[in-house]
Amino acid sequence: MTICLLADIQCNDSSGAVVDQRLPADRVRQSAFSILNSNTVCSVATVTPEGKPHINAAYFSYSVAYELFFLSHPNSVHCQNLLRNPAMAVSVFPSSPAWGEPSVGIQLFGGVQEPSGADAETAERSYGLRFPDFVKWKAMSDRPQAARQYQLYRFEVESFKILDEKNLGDSVWVSASVLRT
């Protein structure tokens, strides 16, 4: 089992200046997983072969090993981009935040791969637990051919940045690196 630790935890204000605030890794971890747990759709950003940005929305599940799993068609633009360059950024935030209320969201940075073996089983289990209808959908024999080609992808988070004003501070961005052992 992979053990993940948070390192390089840093707090910055909205101008990017370092805020002299020390946050324990457990508090940062709790905020990150709270944000992931309370949202089911993310925005995934990839880079085209021409170096242009591309963004797509996807339903996601996640693991405590800082992995996100999303379902997509391998011929989609973002999946084709990932074949050439596995680097990806993900943004997760409430779909209808109230302006003026404390802001919350997380930006994640890392790489993507098509999971195989135990990683594929973890992805299937995670996605199926979060979206029980996925299991039923996958078992349907009358799905259109294109739908049968969908597959799960594994996004391994290398670092992230959180804005959780209610729990981590007003206008404070908290960044951290993920170390795997």
N, C-alpha and C. Protein backbone atom coordinates (compact mmCIF):
# COMPACT_ATOMS: atom_id res chain seq x y z
N MET A 1 0.84 -1.18 0.00
CA MET A 1 0.00 0.00 0.00
C MET A 1 0.88 1.25 0.00
N THR A 2 0.53 2.19 -0.83
CA THR A 2 1.27 3.44 -0.91
C THR A 2 0.90 4.34 0.25
N ILE A 3 1.91 4.86 0.91
CA ILE A 3 1.69 5.83 1.99
C ILE A 3 2.04 7.20 1.43
N CYS A 4 1.13 8.14 1.60
CA CYS A 4 1.33 9.50 1.09
C CYS A 4 1.50 10.48 2.23
N LEU A 5 2.50 11.31 2.12
CA LEU A 5 2.77 12.36 3.09
C LEU A 5 2.71 13.70 2.38
N LEU A 6 2.33 14.72 3.11
CA LEU A 6 2.34 16.06 2.54
C LEU A 6 3.63 16.77 2.94
N ALA A 7 4.20 17.48 2.00
CA ALA A 7 5.45 18.21 2.24
C ALA A 7 5.33 19.60 1.65
N ASP A 8 6.26 20.45 1.99
CA ASP A 8 6.33 21.80 1.43
C ASP A 8 5.03 22.57 1.58
N ILE A 9 4.36 22.41 2.73
CA ILE A 9 3.10 23.13 2.95
C ILE A 9 3.42 24.61 3.12
N GLN A 10 2.76 25.41 2.30
CA GLN A 10 3.02 26.86 2.32
C GLN A 10 1.70 27.61 2.18
N CYS A 11 1.60 28.72 2.87
CA CYS A 11 0.42 29.58 2.80
C CYS A 11 0.79 30.88 2.11
N ASN A 12 -0.06 31.29 1.16
CA ASN A 12 0.15 32.54 0.43
C ASN A 12 -1.14 33.34 0.42
N ASP A 13 -1.01 34.66 0.40
CA ASP A 13 -2.21 35.48 0.24
C ASP A 13 -2.53 35.58 -1.25
N SER A 14 -3.58 36.30 -1.59
CA SER A 14 -4.03 36.34 -2.99
C SER A 14 -3.03 37.03 -3.91
N SER A 15 -2.08 37.79 -3.36
CA SER A 15 -1.05 38.41 -4.19
C SER A 15 0.13 37.47 -4.41
N GLY A 16 0.13 36.34 -3.70
CA GLY A 16 1.24 35.39 -3.81
C GLY A 16 2.26 35.52 -2.70
N ALA A 17 2.13 36.55 -1.87
CA ALA A 17 3.08 36.74 -0.77
C ALA A 17 2.90 35.63 0.28
N VAL A 18 4.01 35.18 0.83
CA VAL A 18 3.97 34.14 1.85
C VAL A 18 3.33 34.69 3.12
N VAL A 19 2.40 33.91 3.65
CA VAL A 19 1.73 34.25 4.90
C VAL A 19 2.41 33.44 6.00
N ASP A 20 2.79 34.10 7.07
CA ASP A 20 3.46 33.39 8.17
C ASP A 20 2.40 32.65 8.99
N GLN A 21 1.99 31.53 8.45
CA GLN A 21 0.95 30.71 9.10
C GLN A 21 1.37 29.26 8.95
N ARG A 22 1.47 28.56 10.02
CA ARG A 22 1.86 27.14 9.97
C ARG A 22 0.59 26.30 10.12
N LEU A 23 0.37 25.42 9.16
CA LEU A 23 -0.78 24.53 9.21
C LEU A 23 -0.28 23.10 9.28
N PRO A 24 -0.83 22.30 10.20
CA PRO A 24 -0.42 20.90 10.27
C PRO A 24 -0.93 20.13 9.04
N ALA A 25 -0.16 19.13 8.63
CA ALA A 25 -0.51 18.32 7.45
C ALA A 25 -1.89 17.70 7.60
N ASP A 26 -2.27 17.26 8.79
CA ASP A 26 -3.58 16.64 8.99
C ASP A 26 -4.71 17.61 8.67
N ARG A 27 -4.54 18.87 9.03
CA ARG A 27 -5.57 19.87 8.76
C ARG A 27 -5.69 20.15 7.27
N VAL A 28 -4.56 20.20 6.57
CA VAL A 28 -4.55 20.41 5.13
C VAL A 28 -5.17 19.20 4.43
N ARG A 29 -4.79 17.99 4.86
CA ARG A 29 -5.34 16.76 4.29
C ARG A 29 -6.85 16.71 4.49
N GLN A 30 -7.30 17.04 5.68
CA GLN A 30 -8.75 17.03 5.97
C GLN A 30 -9.50 18.00 5.05
N SER A 31 -8.96 19.18 4.84
CA SER A 31 -9.59 20.15 3.95
C SER A 31 -9.64 19.62 2.52
N ALA A 32 -8.53 19.06 2.04
CA ALA A 32 -8.48 18.54 0.67
C ALA A 32 -9.54 17.47 0.45
N PHE A 33 -9.61 16.50 1.34
CA PHE A 33 -10.57 15.41 1.17
C PHE A 33 -12.01 15.85 1.40
N SER A 34 -12.21 16.85 2.22
CA SER A 34 -13.55 17.40 2.41
C SER A 34 -14.05 18.03 1.10
N ILE A 35 -13.18 18.77 0.43
CA ILE A 35 -13.55 19.40 -0.84
C ILE A 35 -13.83 18.32 -1.89
N LEU A 36 -12.96 17.32 -1.99
CA LEU A 36 -13.17 16.25 -2.97
C LEU A 36 -14.45 15.48 -2.68
N ASN A 37 -14.71 15.24 -1.41
CA ASN A 37 -15.89 14.46 -1.03
C ASN A 37 -17.20 15.20 -1.31
N SER A 38 -17.18 16.51 -1.21
CA SER A 38 -18.42 17.28 -1.35
C SER A 38 -18.71 17.70 -2.80
N ASN A 39 -17.90 17.25 -3.75
CA ASN A 39 -18.09 17.56 -5.16
C ASN A 39 -17.90 16.30 -5.99
N THR A 40 -18.60 16.21 -7.12
CA THR A 40 -18.48 15.02 -7.97
C THR A 40 -18.00 15.32 -9.38
N VAL A 41 -17.94 16.60 -9.75
CA VAL A 41 -17.50 16.98 -11.09
C VAL A 41 -16.25 17.85 -10.97
N CYS A 42 -15.32 17.61 -11.86
CA CYS A 42 -14.09 18.41 -11.88
C CYS A 42 -13.87 18.94 -13.29
N SER A 43 -12.99 19.91 -13.40
CA SER A 43 -12.52 20.39 -14.69
C SER A 43 -11.11 19.86 -14.87
N VAL A 44 -10.85 19.23 -16.02
CA VAL A 44 -9.52 18.70 -16.30
C VAL A 44 -8.90 19.51 -17.43
N ALA A 45 -7.68 19.95 -17.21
CA ALA A 45 -6.97 20.76 -18.21
C ALA A 45 -5.78 19.96 -18.75
N THR A 46 -5.70 19.92 -20.08
CA THR A 46 -4.60 19.24 -20.76
C THR A 46 -4.00 20.21 -21.77
N VAL A 47 -2.95 19.76 -22.46
CA VAL A 47 -2.27 20.60 -23.46
C VAL A 47 -2.31 19.87 -24.80
N THR A 48 -2.73 20.59 -25.85
CA THR A 48 -2.78 20.01 -27.19
C THR A 48 -1.37 19.88 -27.75
N PRO A 49 -1.19 19.11 -28.82
CA PRO A 49 0.14 18.99 -29.44
C PRO A 49 0.70 20.35 -29.89
N GLU A 50 -0.20 21.30 -30.16
CA GLU A 50 0.24 22.63 -30.57
C GLU A 50 0.56 23.54 -29.38
N GLY A 51 0.45 22.98 -28.17
CA GLY A 51 0.75 23.76 -26.97
C GLY A 51 -0.41 24.62 -26.49
N LYS A 52 -1.60 24.38 -27.02
CA LYS A 52 -2.79 25.14 -26.62
C LYS A 52 -3.48 24.44 -25.45
N PRO A 53 -4.08 25.22 -24.55
CA PRO A 53 -4.81 24.61 -23.43
C PRO A 53 -6.14 24.01 -23.90
N HIS A 54 -6.55 22.95 -23.24
CA HIS A 54 -7.85 22.32 -23.49
C HIS A 54 -8.45 21.98 -22.13
N ILE A 55 -9.75 22.19 -21.98
CA ILE A 55 -10.40 21.89 -20.71
C ILE A 55 -11.66 21.07 -20.95
N ASN A 56 -11.97 20.20 -20.01
CA ASN A 56 -13.13 19.32 -20.11
C ASN A 56 -13.64 19.07 -18.69
N ALA A 57 -14.92 18.81 -18.59
CA ALA A 57 -15.51 18.45 -17.29
C ALA A 57 -15.67 16.94 -17.22
N ALA A 58 -15.52 16.38 -16.03
CA ALA A 58 -15.66 14.94 -15.85
C ALA A 58 -16.12 14.63 -14.43
N TYR A 59 -16.92 13.59 -14.30
CA TYR A 59 -17.24 13.04 -12.98
C TYR A 59 -15.99 12.35 -12.46
N PHE A 60 -15.75 12.42 -11.15
CA PHE A 60 -14.55 11.79 -10.61
C PHE A 60 -14.83 11.10 -9.28
N SER A 61 -13.97 10.14 -8.99
CA SER A 61 -13.89 9.57 -7.65
C SER A 61 -12.43 9.76 -7.22
N TYR A 62 -12.11 9.39 -5.99
CA TYR A 62 -10.76 9.63 -5.50
C TYR A 62 -10.38 8.59 -4.46
N SER A 63 -9.10 8.52 -4.16
CA SER A 63 -8.60 7.63 -3.10
C SER A 63 -7.80 8.45 -2.09
N VAL A 64 -7.57 7.86 -0.93
CA VAL A 64 -6.77 8.55 0.10
C VAL A 64 -5.29 8.60 -0.29
N ALA A 65 -4.93 7.95 -1.39
CA ALA A 65 -3.55 8.00 -1.90
C ALA A 65 -3.40 9.15 -2.91
N TYR A 66 -4.29 10.14 -2.82
CA TYR A 66 -4.24 11.30 -3.70
C TYR A 66 -4.26 10.89 -5.17
N GLU A 67 -5.24 10.07 -5.51
CA GLU A 67 -5.50 9.68 -6.89
C GLU A 67 -6.94 10.10 -7.20
N LEU A 68 -7.17 10.58 -8.41
CA LEU A 68 -8.51 10.82 -8.90
C LEU A 68 -8.74 9.88 -10.07
N PHE A 69 -9.96 9.40 -10.21
CA PHE A 69 -10.32 8.50 -11.30
C PHE A 69 -11.46 9.14 -12.07
N PHE A 70 -11.35 9.18 -13.39
CA PHE A 70 -12.42 9.72 -14.20
C PHE A 70 -12.66 8.81 -15.40
N LEU A 71 -13.89 8.80 -15.88
CA LEU A 71 -14.31 7.98 -16.99
C LEU A 71 -14.35 8.84 -18.24
N SER A 72 -13.75 8.34 -19.33
CA SER A 72 -13.77 9.12 -20.56
C SER A 72 -13.56 8.21 -21.76
N HIS A 73 -13.85 8.74 -22.92
CA HIS A 73 -13.63 8.00 -24.16
C HIS A 73 -12.18 8.23 -24.61
N PRO A 74 -11.48 7.17 -24.98
CA PRO A 74 -10.07 7.33 -25.36
C PRO A 74 -9.84 8.22 -26.58
N ASN A 75 -10.87 8.42 -27.40
CA ASN A 75 -10.72 9.28 -28.58
C ASN A 75 -11.05 10.74 -28.29
N SER A 76 -11.46 11.05 -27.07
CA SER A 76 -11.77 12.45 -26.73
C SER A 76 -10.50 13.30 -26.85
N VAL A 77 -10.67 14.58 -27.05
CA VAL A 77 -9.52 15.48 -27.22
C VAL A 77 -8.59 15.40 -26.01
N HIS A 78 -9.16 15.47 -24.80
CA HIS A 78 -8.29 15.47 -23.61
C HIS A 78 -7.53 14.15 -23.45
N CYS A 79 -8.16 13.03 -23.78
CA CYS A 79 -7.45 11.74 -23.67
C CYS A 79 -6.38 11.61 -24.75
N GLN A 80 -6.65 12.12 -25.95
CA GLN A 80 -5.62 12.12 -26.99
C GLN A 80 -4.45 13.02 -26.58
N ASN A 81 -4.76 14.16 -25.95
CA ASN A 81 -3.69 15.03 -25.45
C ASN A 81 -2.84 14.30 -24.42
N LEU A 82 -3.49 13.52 -23.55
CA LEU A 82 -2.77 12.82 -22.49
C LEU A 82 -1.86 11.72 -23.03
N LEU A 83 -2.18 11.17 -24.20
CA LEU A 83 -1.29 10.17 -24.81
C LEU A 83 0.06 10.80 -25.17
N ARG A 84 0.03 12.07 -25.57
CA ARG A 84 1.24 12.77 -25.97
C ARG A 84 1.95 13.42 -24.79
N ASN A 85 1.16 13.87 -23.82
CA ASN A 85 1.70 14.57 -22.66
C ASN A 85 0.80 14.25 -21.47
N PRO A 86 1.26 13.39 -20.55
CA PRO A 86 0.39 12.94 -19.45
C PRO A 86 0.17 13.99 -18.35
N ALA A 87 0.77 15.17 -18.49
CA ALA A 87 0.58 16.21 -17.47
C ALA A 87 -0.85 16.75 -17.53
N MET A 88 -1.44 16.95 -16.35
CA MET A 88 -2.81 17.44 -16.30
C MET A 88 -3.00 18.26 -15.02
N ALA A 89 -3.91 19.22 -15.09
CA ALA A 89 -4.33 19.98 -13.91
C ALA A 89 -5.82 19.78 -13.75
N VAL A 90 -6.27 19.75 -12.51
CA VAL A 90 -7.68 19.52 -12.19
C VAL A 90 -8.14 20.60 -11.23
N SER A 91 -9.35 21.07 -11.43
CA SER A 91 -9.96 22.04 -10.52
C SER A 91 -11.27 21.47 -10.01
N VAL A 92 -11.47 21.54 -8.70
CA VAL A 92 -12.69 21.05 -8.07
C VAL A 92 -13.22 22.15 -7.17
N PHE A 93 -14.48 22.50 -7.36
CA PHE A 93 -15.10 23.56 -6.55
C PHE A 93 -16.61 23.38 -6.62
N PRO A 94 -17.35 23.95 -5.69
CA PRO A 94 -18.81 23.83 -5.73
C PRO A 94 -19.36 24.43 -7.03
N SER A 95 -20.40 23.81 -7.56
CA SER A 95 -20.95 24.27 -8.84
C SER A 95 -21.75 25.56 -8.73
N SER A 96 -22.22 25.88 -7.55
CA SER A 96 -22.99 27.13 -7.41
C SER A 96 -22.67 27.82 -6.09
N PRO A 97 -21.43 28.31 -5.98
CA PRO A 97 -21.08 29.00 -4.74
C PRO A 97 -21.81 30.35 -4.64
N ALA A 98 -22.09 30.75 -3.43
CA ALA A 98 -22.73 32.05 -3.21
C ALA A 98 -21.65 33.11 -3.11
N TRP A 99 -21.77 34.15 -3.97
CA TRP A 99 -20.78 35.21 -3.96
C TRP A 99 -20.81 35.90 -2.60
N GLY A 100 -19.64 36.15 -2.05
CA GLY A 100 -19.54 36.82 -0.76
C GLY A 100 -19.40 35.85 0.41
N GLU A 101 -19.75 34.59 0.19
CA GLU A 101 -19.56 33.57 1.22
C GLU A 101 -18.10 33.10 1.17
N PRO A 102 -17.62 32.44 2.23
CA PRO A 102 -16.24 31.94 2.19
C PRO A 102 -16.03 31.02 0.98
N SER A 103 -14.97 31.26 0.24
CA SER A 103 -14.66 30.48 -0.96
C SER A 103 -13.99 29.17 -0.60
N VAL A 104 -14.22 28.17 -1.47
CA VAL A 104 -13.61 26.86 -1.27
C VAL A 104 -13.36 26.21 -2.62
N GLY A 105 -12.22 25.58 -2.76
CA GLY A 105 -11.88 24.86 -3.98
C GLY A 105 -10.48 24.31 -3.89
N ILE A 106 -10.16 23.42 -4.82
CA ILE A 106 -8.82 22.83 -4.84
C ILE A 106 -8.36 22.70 -6.28
N GLN A 107 -7.09 22.97 -6.50
CA GLN A 107 -6.44 22.79 -7.79
C GLN A 107 -5.39 21.70 -7.59
N LEU A 108 -5.40 20.72 -8.47
CA LEU A 108 -4.50 19.57 -8.34
C LEU A 108 -3.64 19.47 -9.60
N PHE A 109 -2.39 19.07 -9.42
CA PHE A 109 -1.44 18.99 -10.53
C PHE A 109 -0.75 17.64 -10.50
N GLY A 110 -0.60 17.00 -11.66
CA GLY A 110 0.05 15.70 -11.69
C GLY A 110 0.02 15.10 -13.07
N GLY A 111 0.00 13.78 -13.11
CA GLY A 111 0.03 13.06 -14.37
C GLY A 111 -1.04 11.98 -14.42
N VAL A 112 -1.39 11.59 -15.64
CA VAL A 112 -2.46 10.63 -15.88
C VAL A 112 -1.93 9.40 -16.58
N GLN A 113 -2.55 8.27 -16.26
CA GLN A 113 -2.27 7.04 -16.97
C GLN A 113 -3.53 6.19 -17.00
N GLU A 114 -3.58 5.27 -17.94
CA GLU A 114 -4.65 4.29 -17.94
C GLU A 114 -4.24 3.22 -16.93
N PRO A 115 -5.06 2.99 -15.92
CA PRO A 115 -4.66 2.02 -14.90
C PRO A 115 -4.75 0.59 -15.42
N SER A 116 -3.88 -0.26 -14.89
CA SER A 116 -3.92 -1.69 -15.21
C SER A 116 -3.71 -2.48 -13.93
N GLY A 117 -4.04 -3.74 -13.96
CA GLY A 117 -3.84 -4.61 -12.81
C GLY A 117 -4.56 -4.12 -11.57
N ALA A 118 -3.83 -4.07 -10.46
CA ALA A 118 -4.41 -3.64 -9.17
C ALA A 118 -4.90 -2.20 -9.23
N ASP A 119 -4.20 -1.35 -9.99
CA ASP A 119 -4.64 0.04 -10.13
C ASP A 119 -5.99 0.13 -10.83
N ALA A 120 -6.21 -0.73 -11.82
CA ALA A 120 -7.50 -0.75 -12.53
C ALA A 120 -8.61 -1.21 -11.59
N GLU A 121 -8.32 -2.20 -10.75
CA GLU A 121 -9.32 -2.68 -9.78
C GLU A 121 -9.64 -1.58 -8.77
N THR A 122 -8.63 -0.85 -8.32
CA THR A 122 -8.85 0.26 -7.40
C THR A 122 -9.71 1.33 -8.05
N ALA A 123 -9.43 1.65 -9.31
CA ALA A 123 -10.20 2.66 -10.03
C ALA A 123 -11.66 2.22 -10.17
N GLU A 124 -11.90 0.98 -10.57
CA GLU A 124 -13.27 0.45 -10.73
C GLU A 124 -14.02 0.48 -9.40
N ARG A 125 -13.36 0.04 -8.35
CA ARG A 125 -14.00 0.00 -7.03
C ARG A 125 -14.33 1.41 -6.55
N SER A 126 -13.39 2.32 -6.68
CA SER A 126 -13.59 3.70 -6.25
C SER A 126 -14.74 4.36 -7.01
N TYR A 127 -14.71 4.23 -8.33
CA TYR A 127 -15.72 4.87 -9.17
C TYR A 127 -17.10 4.24 -8.92
N GLY A 128 -17.12 2.92 -8.77
CA GLY A 128 -18.38 2.21 -8.51
C GLY A 128 -18.98 2.55 -7.16
N LEU A 129 -18.14 2.76 -6.16
CA LEU A 129 -18.65 3.15 -4.83
C LEU A 129 -19.24 4.56 -4.87
N ARG A 130 -18.59 5.43 -5.60
CA ARG A 130 -19.06 6.82 -5.66
C ARG A 130 -20.29 6.96 -6.56
N PHE A 131 -20.31 6.18 -7.63
CA PHE A 131 -21.42 6.24 -8.59
C PHE A 131 -21.97 4.84 -8.80
N PRO A 132 -22.88 4.39 -7.91
CA PRO A 132 -23.43 3.03 -8.02
C PRO A 132 -24.06 2.73 -9.38
N ASP A 133 -24.60 3.73 -10.05
CA ASP A 133 -25.19 3.50 -11.38
C ASP A 133 -24.13 3.14 -12.42
N PHE A 134 -22.87 3.48 -12.17
CA PHE A 134 -21.79 3.11 -13.08
C PHE A 134 -21.69 1.59 -13.20
N VAL A 135 -21.82 0.89 -12.08
CA VAL A 135 -21.72 -0.57 -12.08
C VAL A 135 -22.85 -1.15 -12.93
N LYS A 136 -24.06 -0.64 -12.77
CA LYS A 136 -25.20 -1.10 -13.57
C LYS A 136 -24.98 -0.77 -15.05
N TRP A 137 -24.53 0.45 -15.33
CA TRP A 137 -24.29 0.89 -16.70
C TRP A 137 -23.24 0.01 -17.38
N LYS A 138 -22.18 -0.29 -16.65
CA LYS A 138 -21.11 -1.10 -17.22
C LYS A 138 -21.57 -2.52 -17.52
N ALA A 139 -22.49 -3.03 -16.71
CA ALA A 139 -22.98 -4.40 -16.89
C ALA A 139 -24.00 -4.51 -18.02
N MET A 140 -24.53 -3.40 -18.49
CA MET A 140 -25.54 -3.43 -19.56
C MET A 140 -24.93 -3.94 -20.86
N SER A 141 -25.52 -4.95 -21.42
CA SER A 141 -24.99 -5.51 -22.67
C SER A 141 -25.46 -4.73 -23.89
N ASP A 142 -26.49 -3.90 -23.73
CA ASP A 142 -27.01 -3.17 -24.88
C ASP A 142 -26.48 -1.74 -24.99
N ARG A 143 -25.38 -1.46 -24.30
CA ARG A 143 -24.77 -0.13 -24.44
C ARG A 143 -24.29 0.06 -25.86
N PRO A 144 -24.40 1.28 -26.39
CA PRO A 144 -23.86 1.52 -27.74
C PRO A 144 -22.36 1.24 -27.78
N GLN A 145 -21.85 0.94 -28.96
CA GLN A 145 -20.44 0.61 -29.15
C GLN A 145 -19.53 1.69 -28.56
N ALA A 146 -19.82 2.96 -28.82
CA ALA A 146 -18.98 4.05 -28.31
C ALA A 146 -18.95 4.04 -26.78
N ALA A 147 -20.07 3.77 -26.15
CA ALA A 147 -20.12 3.74 -24.69
C ALA A 147 -19.30 2.60 -24.13
N ARG A 148 -19.21 1.49 -24.86
CA ARG A 148 -18.41 0.35 -24.39
C ARG A 148 -16.93 0.64 -24.45
N GLN A 149 -16.53 1.68 -25.19
CA GLN A 149 -15.12 2.02 -25.31
C GLN A 149 -14.63 2.94 -24.19
N TYR A 150 -15.55 3.49 -23.42
CA TYR A 150 -15.15 4.36 -22.31
C TYR A 150 -14.25 3.58 -21.37
N GLN A 151 -13.30 4.28 -20.78
CA GLN A 151 -12.43 3.64 -19.80
C GLN A 151 -12.09 4.61 -18.68
N LEU A 152 -11.65 4.03 -17.60
CA LEU A 152 -11.25 4.84 -16.44
C LEU A 152 -9.79 5.26 -16.60
N TYR A 153 -9.51 6.46 -16.13
CA TYR A 153 -8.15 6.99 -16.12
C TYR A 153 -7.78 7.32 -14.68
N ARG A 154 -6.50 7.22 -14.39
CA ARG A 154 -5.98 7.48 -13.03
C ARG A 154 -5.09 8.71 -13.06
N PHE A 155 -5.49 9.71 -12.29
CA PHE A 155 -4.73 10.94 -12.16
C PHE A 155 -4.00 10.88 -10.83
N GLU A 156 -2.67 10.88 -10.87
CA GLU A 156 -1.86 10.82 -9.65
C GLU A 156 -1.43 12.24 -9.29
N VAL A 157 -1.92 12.72 -8.17
CA VAL A 157 -1.65 14.09 -7.73
C VAL A 157 -0.21 14.19 -7.22
N GLU A 158 0.51 15.17 -7.74
CA GLU A 158 1.88 15.45 -7.29
C GLU A 158 1.91 16.65 -6.35
N SER A 159 1.00 17.59 -6.58
CA SER A 159 0.89 18.77 -5.71
C SER A 159 -0.51 19.34 -5.84
N PHE A 160 -0.87 20.19 -4.90
CA PHE A 160 -2.18 20.83 -4.96
C PHE A 160 -2.15 22.17 -4.27
N LYS A 161 -3.21 22.94 -4.53
CA LYS A 161 -3.38 24.25 -3.93
C LYS A 161 -4.84 24.37 -3.51
N ILE A 162 -5.07 24.74 -2.26
CA ILE A 162 -6.42 24.81 -1.68
C ILE A 162 -6.76 26.25 -1.31
N LEU A 163 -8.00 26.62 -1.58
CA LEU A 163 -8.60 27.83 -1.02
C LEU A 163 -9.80 27.35 -0.22
N ASP A 164 -9.69 27.40 1.09
CA ASP A 164 -10.76 26.96 2.00
C ASP A 164 -10.84 28.02 3.09
N GLU A 165 -11.50 29.13 2.77
CA GLU A 165 -11.49 30.29 3.66
C GLU A 165 -12.12 30.00 5.01
N LYS A 166 -13.11 29.16 5.04
CA LYS A 166 -13.79 28.86 6.30
C LYS A 166 -12.89 28.08 7.26
N ASN A 167 -12.06 27.18 6.72
CA ASN A 167 -11.25 26.30 7.56
C ASN A 167 -9.75 26.60 7.60
N LEU A 168 -9.23 27.30 6.58
CA LEU A 168 -7.78 27.52 6.53
C LEU A 168 -7.37 28.98 6.53
N GLY A 169 -8.33 29.89 6.45
CA GLY A 169 -8.00 31.31 6.52
C GLY A 169 -8.57 32.10 5.36
N ASP A 170 -8.93 33.33 5.65
CA ASP A 170 -9.53 34.22 4.66
C ASP A 170 -8.49 34.63 3.62
N SER A 171 -8.79 34.40 2.36
CA SER A 171 -7.90 34.74 1.23
C SER A 171 -6.53 34.10 1.35
N VAL A 172 -6.46 32.90 1.92
CA VAL A 172 -5.20 32.18 2.06
C VAL A 172 -5.22 30.95 1.16
N TRP A 173 -4.25 30.90 0.26
CA TRP A 173 -4.05 29.72 -0.58
C TRP A 173 -3.01 28.84 0.08
N VAL A 174 -3.34 27.56 0.26
CA VAL A 174 -2.42 26.61 0.89
C VAL A 174 -1.96 25.62 -0.17
N SER A 175 -0.66 25.54 -0.36
CA SER A 175 -0.12 24.60 -1.34
C SER A 175 0.67 23.52 -0.61
N ALA A 176 0.72 22.33 -1.25
CA ALA A 176 1.44 21.21 -0.67
C ALA A 176 1.88 20.26 -1.78
N SER A 177 2.96 19.55 -1.54
CA SER A 177 3.44 18.50 -2.42
C SER A 177 3.06 17.16 -1.80
N VAL A 178 2.81 16.17 -2.65
CA VAL A 178 2.47 14.82 -2.19
C VAL A 178 3.70 13.94 -2.38
N LEU A 179 4.16 13.34 -1.29
CA LEU A 179 5.28 12.41 -1.33
C LEU A 179 4.76 10.99 -1.15
N ARG A 180 5.14 10.08 -2.03
CA ARG A 180 4.71 8.68 -1.95
C ARG A 180 5.87 7.82 -1.48
N THR A 181 5.56 6.89 -0.58
CA THR A 181 6.60 5.95 -0.11
C THR A 181 6.19 4.54 -0.40
